Amino acid sequence: MNSQENVGSRLQRLKQEKSVIEQHNEKLESKKSGSDKQAAEAEAITDSEPSPKRARQETSAEEEYDRHIRAAQSSLKALQALVQSENNPAASPPSWLEAKLQELLTLITEISSVRHTT
């Protein structure tokens, strides 16, 4: 008995627990007898046990687009922070960075134009 639980609330809790246990026992007994298969099946469906998890469905195309856009944004923000880093001014961006950024801009333009032409 919980030290904070008074006699009245304990009695109420025990009554509720008794009811749940009796229902459970009745289900078990009816399943053992097998006399009413439909009732047993109905009880199995409404049983308080959680159903097994369903396999995850494949993500929709929109979710996939969103996932890739978020990854690209995150990478670009990290790159921006690296370039703008004041903590390490001696480590200037590599010489090839400008060319790679131009390639990314071209790719973004191509992706944008594909959507407009379809």
C-alpha atoms as a PDB file:
ATOM      1  CA  MET A   1       0.000   0.000   0.000  1.00  0.00           C
ATOM      2  CA  ASN A   2       1.313   3.410  -0.978  1.00  0.00           C
ATOM      3  CA  SER A   3       1.855   5.638   2.053  1.00  0.00           C
ATOM      4  CA  GLN A   4      -0.013   8.483   0.339  1.00  0.00           C
ATOM      5  CA  GLU A   5      -2.945   6.299  -0.756  1.00  0.00           C
ATOM      6  CA  ASN A   6      -5.913   6.517   1.594  1.00  0.00           C
ATOM      7  CA  VAL A   7      -8.214   3.606   2.346  1.00  0.00           C
ATOM      8  CA  GLY A   8     -11.041   4.834   0.101  1.00  0.00           C
ATOM      9  CA  SER A   9      -8.851   5.299  -2.987  1.00  0.00           C
ATOM     10  CA  ARG A  10      -7.169   1.953  -2.349  1.00  0.00           C
ATOM     11  CA  LEU A  11     -10.554   0.232  -2.194  1.00  0.00           C
ATOM     12  CA  GLN A  12     -11.614   1.895  -5.435  1.00  0.00           C
ATOM     13  CA  ARG A  13      -8.366   0.868  -7.157  1.00  0.00           C
ATOM     14  CA  LEU A  14      -8.728  -2.734  -5.979  1.00  0.00           C
ATOM     15  CA  LYS A  15     -12.317  -2.883  -7.296  1.00  0.00           C
ATOM     16  CA  GLN A  16     -11.132  -1.679 -10.697  1.00  0.00           C
ATOM     17  CA  GLU A  17      -8.280  -4.172 -10.736  1.00  0.00           C
ATOM     18  CA  LYS A  18     -10.667  -6.977  -9.733  1.00  0.00           C
ATOM     19  CA  SER A  19     -12.966  -6.101 -12.619  1.00  0.00           C
ATOM     20  CA  VAL A  20     -10.091  -6.187 -15.109  1.00  0.00           C
ATOM     21  CA  ILE A  21      -8.840  -9.519 -13.755  1.00  0.00           C
ATOM     22  CA  GLU A  22     -12.324 -11.049 -13.894  1.00  0.00           C
ATOM     23  CA  GLN A  23     -12.777  -9.939 -17.508  1.00  0.00           C
ATOM     24  CA  HIS A  24      -9.412 -11.422 -18.383  1.00  0.00           C
ATOM     25  CA  ASN A  25     -10.277 -14.721 -16.700  1.00  0.00           C
ATOM     26  CA  GLU A  26     -13.613 -14.868 -18.518  1.00  0.00           C
ATOM     27  CA  LYS A  27     -11.843 -14.394 -21.833  1.00  0.00           C
ATOM     28  CA  LEU A  28      -9.402 -17.166 -21.027  1.00  0.00           C
ATOM     29  CA  GLU A  29     -12.186 -19.525 -19.976  1.00  0.00           C
ATOM     30  CA  SER A  30     -14.271 -18.842 -23.082  1.00  0.00           C
ATOM     31  CA  LYS A  31     -11.249 -19.420 -25.292  1.00  0.00           C
ATOM     32  CA  LYS A  32     -10.543 -22.741 -23.526  1.00  0.00           C
ATOM     33  CA  SER A  33     -14.066 -24.022 -24.007  1.00  0.00           C
ATOM     34  CA  GLY A  34     -14.042 -23.180 -27.716  1.00  0.00           C
ATOM     35  CA  SER A  35     -17.835 -23.349 -27.773  1.00  0.00           C
ATOM     36  CA  ASP A  36     -18.242 -19.891 -29.264  1.00  0.00           C
ATOM     37  CA  LYS A  37     -15.500 -19.236 -31.809  1.00  0.00           C
ATOM     38  CA  GLN A  38     -17.057 -16.018 -33.068  1.00  0.00           C
ATOM     39  CA  ALA A  39     -17.203 -14.546 -29.581  1.00  0.00           C
ATOM     40  CA  ALA A  40     -13.593 -15.515 -28.977  1.00  0.00           C
ATOM     41  CA  GLU A  41     -12.559 -13.907 -32.268  1.00  0.00           C
ATOM     42  CA  ALA A  42     -14.477 -10.747 -31.419  1.00  0.00           C
ATOM     43  CA  GLU A  43     -12.820 -10.638 -28.024  1.00  0.00           C
ATOM     44  CA  ALA A  44      -9.427 -11.138 -29.603  1.00  0.00           C
ATOM     45  CA  ILE A  45     -10.044  -8.148 -31.837  1.00  0.00           C
ATOM     46  CA  THR A  46     -11.153  -5.929 -28.968  1.00  0.00           C
ATOM     47  CA  ASP A  47      -8.505  -7.268 -26.613  1.00  0.00           C
ATOM     48  CA  SER A  48      -6.668  -4.576 -24.697  1.00  0.00           C
ATOM     49  CA  GLU A  49      -3.323  -5.912 -25.894  1.00  0.00           C
ATOM     50  CA  PRO A  50      -1.648  -3.633 -28.445  1.00  0.00           C
ATOM     51  CA  SER A  51      -1.558  -4.890 -32.009  1.00  0.00           C
ATOM     52  CA  PRO A  52       1.799  -5.698 -33.517  1.00  0.00           C
ATOM     53  CA  LYS A  53       3.420  -2.860 -35.383  1.00  0.00           C
ATOM     54  CA  ARG A  54       2.869  -2.766 -39.094  1.00  0.00           C
ATOM     55  CA  ALA A  55       5.850  -2.651 -41.360  1.00  0.00           C
ATOM     56  CA  ARG A  56       6.781   0.888 -42.227  1.00  0.00           C
ATOM     57  CA  GLN A  57       5.360   1.908 -45.538  1.00  0.00           C
ATOM     58  CA  GLU A  58       7.660   3.335 -48.151  1.00  0.00           C
ATOM     59  CA  THR A  59       8.008   7.100 -47.856  1.00  0.00           C
ATOM     60  CA  SER A  60       6.097   9.211 -50.284  1.00  0.00           C
ATOM     61  CA  ALA A  61       7.881  11.182 -52.985  1.00  0.00           C
ATOM     62  CA  GLU A  62       7.199  14.421 -51.122  1.00  0.00           C
ATOM     63  CA  GLU A  63       8.867  13.089 -47.967  1.00  0.00           C
ATOM     64  CA  GLU A  64      11.863  12.019 -50.002  1.00  0.00           C
ATOM     65  CA  TYR A  65      12.166  15.475 -51.587  1.00  0.00           C
ATOM     66  CA  ASP A  66      11.894  17.047 -48.149  1.00  0.00           C
ATOM     67  CA  ARG A  67      14.571  14.767 -46.702  1.00  0.00           C
ATOM     68  CA  HIS A  68      17.038  15.590 -49.488  1.00  0.00           C
ATOM     69  CA  ILE A  69      16.346  19.332 -49.332  1.00  0.00           C
ATOM     70  CA  ARG A  70      16.908  19.353 -45.571  1.00  0.00           C
ATOM     71  CA  ALA A  71      20.189  17.473 -46.018  1.00  0.00           C
ATOM     72  CA  ALA A  72      21.336  19.935 -48.688  1.00  0.00           C
ATOM     73  CA  GLN A  73      20.360  22.926 -46.533  1.00  0.00           C
ATOM     74  CA  SER A  74      22.177  21.509 -43.554  1.00  0.00           C
ATOM     75  CA  SER A  75      25.327  20.861 -45.578  1.00  0.00           C
ATOM     76  CA  LEU A  76      25.287  24.335 -47.110  1.00  0.00           C
ATOM     77  CA  LYS A  77      24.776  25.979 -43.719  1.00  0.00           C
ATOM     78  CA  ALA A  78      27.699  24.000 -42.300  1.00  0.00           C
ATOM     79  CA  LEU A  79      29.848  25.079 -45.263  1.00  0.00           C
ATOM     80  CA  GLN A  80      28.787  28.689 -44.772  1.00  0.00           C
ATOM     81  CA  ALA A  81      29.728  28.540 -41.097  1.00  0.00           C
ATOM     82  CA  LEU A  82      33.091  27.060 -42.023  1.00  0.00           C
ATOM     83  CA  VAL A  83      33.806  29.800 -44.568  1.00  0.00           C
ATOM     84  CA  GLN A  84      32.682  32.581 -42.225  1.00  0.00           C
ATOM     85  CA  SER A  85      34.495  31.149 -39.233  1.00  0.00           C
ATOM     86  CA  GLU A  86      36.266  33.892 -37.341  1.00  0.00           C
ATOM     87  CA  ASN A  87      37.865  31.407 -34.955  1.00  0.00           C
ATOM     88  CA  ASN A  88      40.297  30.193 -37.597  1.00  0.00           C
ATOM     89  CA  PRO A  89      41.131  33.018 -40.022  1.00  0.00           C
ATOM     90  CA  ALA A  90      44.355  31.288 -41.101  1.00  0.00           C
ATOM     91  CA  ALA A  91      42.379  28.434 -42.693  1.00  0.00           C
ATOM     92  CA  SER A  92      41.037  30.201 -45.758  1.00  0.00           C
ATOM     93  CA  PRO A  93      38.679  28.338 -48.110  1.00  0.00           C
ATOM     94  CA  PRO A  94      40.424  26.115 -50.669  1.00  0.00           C
ATOM     95  CA  SER A  95      40.916  27.483 -54.174  1.00  0.00           C
ATOM     96  CA  TRP A  96      38.543  24.951 -55.740  1.00  0.00           C
ATOM     97  CA  LEU A  97      35.591  25.990 -53.551  1.00  0.00           C
ATOM     98  CA  GLU A  98      34.407  28.724 -55.934  1.00  0.00           C
ATOM     99  CA  ALA A  99      34.267  26.291 -58.878  1.00  0.00           C
ATOM    100  CA  LYS A 100      32.334  23.701 -56.834  1.00  0.00           C
ATOM    101  CA  LEU A 101      29.849  26.340 -55.680  1.00  0.00           C
ATOM    102  CA  GLN A 102      29.290  27.354 -59.307  1.00  0.00           C
ATOM    103  CA  GLU A 103      28.626  23.692 -60.161  1.00  0.00           C
ATOM    104  CA  LEU A 104      26.052  23.567 -57.378  1.00  0.00           C
ATOM    105  CA  LEU A 105      24.364  26.726 -58.678  1.00  0.00           C
ATOM    106  CA  THR A 106      24.181  25.184 -62.155  1.00  0.00           C
ATOM    107  CA  LEU A 107      22.701  22.008 -60.711  1.00  0.00           C
ATOM    108  CA  ILE A 108      20.103  23.976 -58.724  1.00  0.00           C
ATOM    109  CA  THR A 109      19.141  25.894 -61.891  1.00  0.00           C
ATOM    110  CA  GLU A 110      18.765  22.633 -63.823  1.00  0.00           C
ATOM    111  CA  ILE A 111      16.605  21.101 -61.089  1.00  0.00           C
ATOM    112  CA  SER A 112      14.415  24.209 -60.972  1.00  0.00           C
ATOM    113  CA  SER A 113      13.955  24.303 -64.741  1.00  0.00           C
ATOM    114  CA  VAL A 114      12.946  20.614 -64.916  1.00  0.00           C
ATOM    115  CA  ARG A 115       9.984  21.328 -62.665  1.00  0.00           C
ATOM    116  CA  HIS A 116       8.856  24.269 -64.809  1.00  0.00           C
ATOM    117  CA  THR A 117       8.948  22.359 -68.100  1.00  0.00           C
ATOM    118  CA  THR A 118       6.836  19.374 -66.992  1.00  0.00           C
END
